[in-house]
Amino acid sequence: MTTRLDEIADGIFRLSTFIPEVAPPAGFVFNQFLILADQPLLFHTGHRQLFPAVRDALERLIDPATLRWISFGHLEGDECGAMNLWLPAA
């Protein structure tokens, strides 16, 4: 599984992961959005199983340790299922 990166506006990236097993036969694309700024923001964390692919894609743009904000539109597994994986260990 790989996550594609597309710059959709200056400093705003869509991270897209296609999963063919979801909603066959067409499949489904899960998206997260990264806003590069002094304090980078990730909108949506995606499903827990997407975390490795999304993190790998994010690492191509920034050091994940510099990610300052995580936000989401609502509470569902596809929006924030990997939230605890992004947070530093206490």
Protein backbone atom coordinates (compact mmCIF):
# COMPACT_ATOMS: atom_id res chain seq x y z
CA MET A 1 0.00 0.00 0.00
CA THR A 2 1.38 3.38 -0.95
CA THR A 3 0.16 6.89 -0.42
CA ARG A 4 0.35 9.39 -3.25
CA LEU A 5 1.34 13.03 -2.71
CA ASP A 6 -0.14 15.87 -4.73
CA GLU A 7 0.42 19.57 -4.10
CA ILE A 8 -3.08 20.97 -4.62
CA ALA A 9 -2.20 24.58 -3.74
CA ASP A 10 0.95 26.34 -2.65
CA GLY A 11 2.10 24.51 0.49
CA ILE A 12 -1.03 22.32 0.71
CA PHE A 13 -0.67 18.62 -0.06
CA ARG A 14 -3.22 15.84 -0.48
CA LEU A 15 -2.04 12.44 0.71
CA SER A 16 -4.17 9.81 -1.07
CA THR A 17 -4.25 6.08 -0.40
CA PHE A 18 -6.25 3.87 -2.77
CA ILE A 19 -7.73 0.72 -1.19
CA PRO A 20 -9.29 -1.56 -3.83
CA GLU A 21 -10.91 -3.85 -1.21
CA VAL A 22 -13.16 -1.05 0.06
CA ALA A 23 -16.35 -0.55 -1.99
CA PRO A 24 -15.49 -2.98 -4.80
CA PRO A 25 -15.29 -3.02 -7.71
CA ALA A 26 -14.28 0.65 -7.84
CA GLY A 27 -12.31 0.78 -4.58
CA PHE A 28 -11.99 3.85 -2.36
CA VAL A 29 -9.45 6.62 -1.87
CA PHE A 30 -8.72 7.88 1.64
CA ASN A 31 -7.30 11.41 1.81
CA GLN A 32 -5.41 13.43 4.36
CA PHE A 33 -4.24 17.00 3.88
CA LEU A 34 -0.97 18.54 5.02
CA ILE A 35 -0.60 22.28 5.31
CA LEU A 36 3.04 23.31 5.37
CA ALA A 37 3.52 26.38 7.54
CA ASP A 38 5.57 27.52 10.51
CA GLN A 39 3.41 25.07 12.47
CA PRO A 40 2.45 22.27 10.02
CA LEU A 41 -1.08 20.86 10.24
CA LEU A 42 -2.34 17.41 9.22
CA PHE A 43 -6.09 17.24 8.52
CA HIS A 44 -7.37 13.69 9.07
CA THR A 45 -5.16 10.85 10.25
CA GLY A 46 -6.89 8.08 8.33
CA HIS A 47 -7.59 4.50 9.35
CA ARG A 48 -5.16 2.88 11.77
CA GLN A 49 -3.94 0.43 9.09
CA LEU A 50 -3.10 3.35 6.77
CA PHE A 51 -0.68 4.87 9.28
CA PRO A 52 2.58 3.37 7.89
CA ALA A 53 1.82 4.46 4.32
CA VAL A 54 0.63 7.94 5.32
CA ARG A 55 3.61 8.46 7.62
CA ASP A 56 6.01 7.37 4.84
CA ALA A 57 4.41 9.89 2.48
CA LEU A 58 4.52 12.64 5.07
CA GLU A 59 8.21 11.94 5.69
CA ARG A 60 8.89 12.77 2.05
CA LEU A 61 7.77 16.33 2.83
CA ILE A 62 8.64 17.02 6.48
CA ASP A 63 10.07 15.41 9.59
CA PRO A 64 6.96 14.04 11.35
CA ALA A 65 8.36 15.34 14.65
CA THR A 66 7.79 18.88 13.35
CA LEU A 67 4.06 18.25 12.86
CA ARG A 68 2.42 20.74 15.23
CA TRP A 69 -1.32 20.30 14.66
CA ILE A 70 -3.66 17.41 13.87
CA SER A 71 -7.29 18.15 13.06
CA PHE A 72 -10.29 16.28 11.69
CA GLY A 73 -13.80 17.01 10.53
CA HIS A 74 -15.65 14.48 12.69
CA LEU A 75 -15.09 11.35 14.78
CA GLU A 76 -15.05 8.25 12.58
CA GLY A 77 -12.37 5.65 12.00
CA ASP A 78 -11.51 6.93 8.53
CA GLU A 79 -11.00 10.45 9.89
CA CYS A 80 -9.10 9.87 13.12
CA GLY A 81 -8.48 6.12 13.52
CA ALA A 82 -4.70 6.57 13.59
CA MET A 83 -4.75 9.59 15.91
CA ASN A 84 -2.98 7.87 18.81
CA LEU A 85 -0.21 6.68 16.49
CA TRP A 86 0.73 10.30 15.63
CA LEU A 87 0.99 11.39 19.23
CA PRO A 88 4.38 11.12 20.97
CA ALA A 89 4.72 8.53 23.70
CA ALA A 90 4.18 9.95 27.16
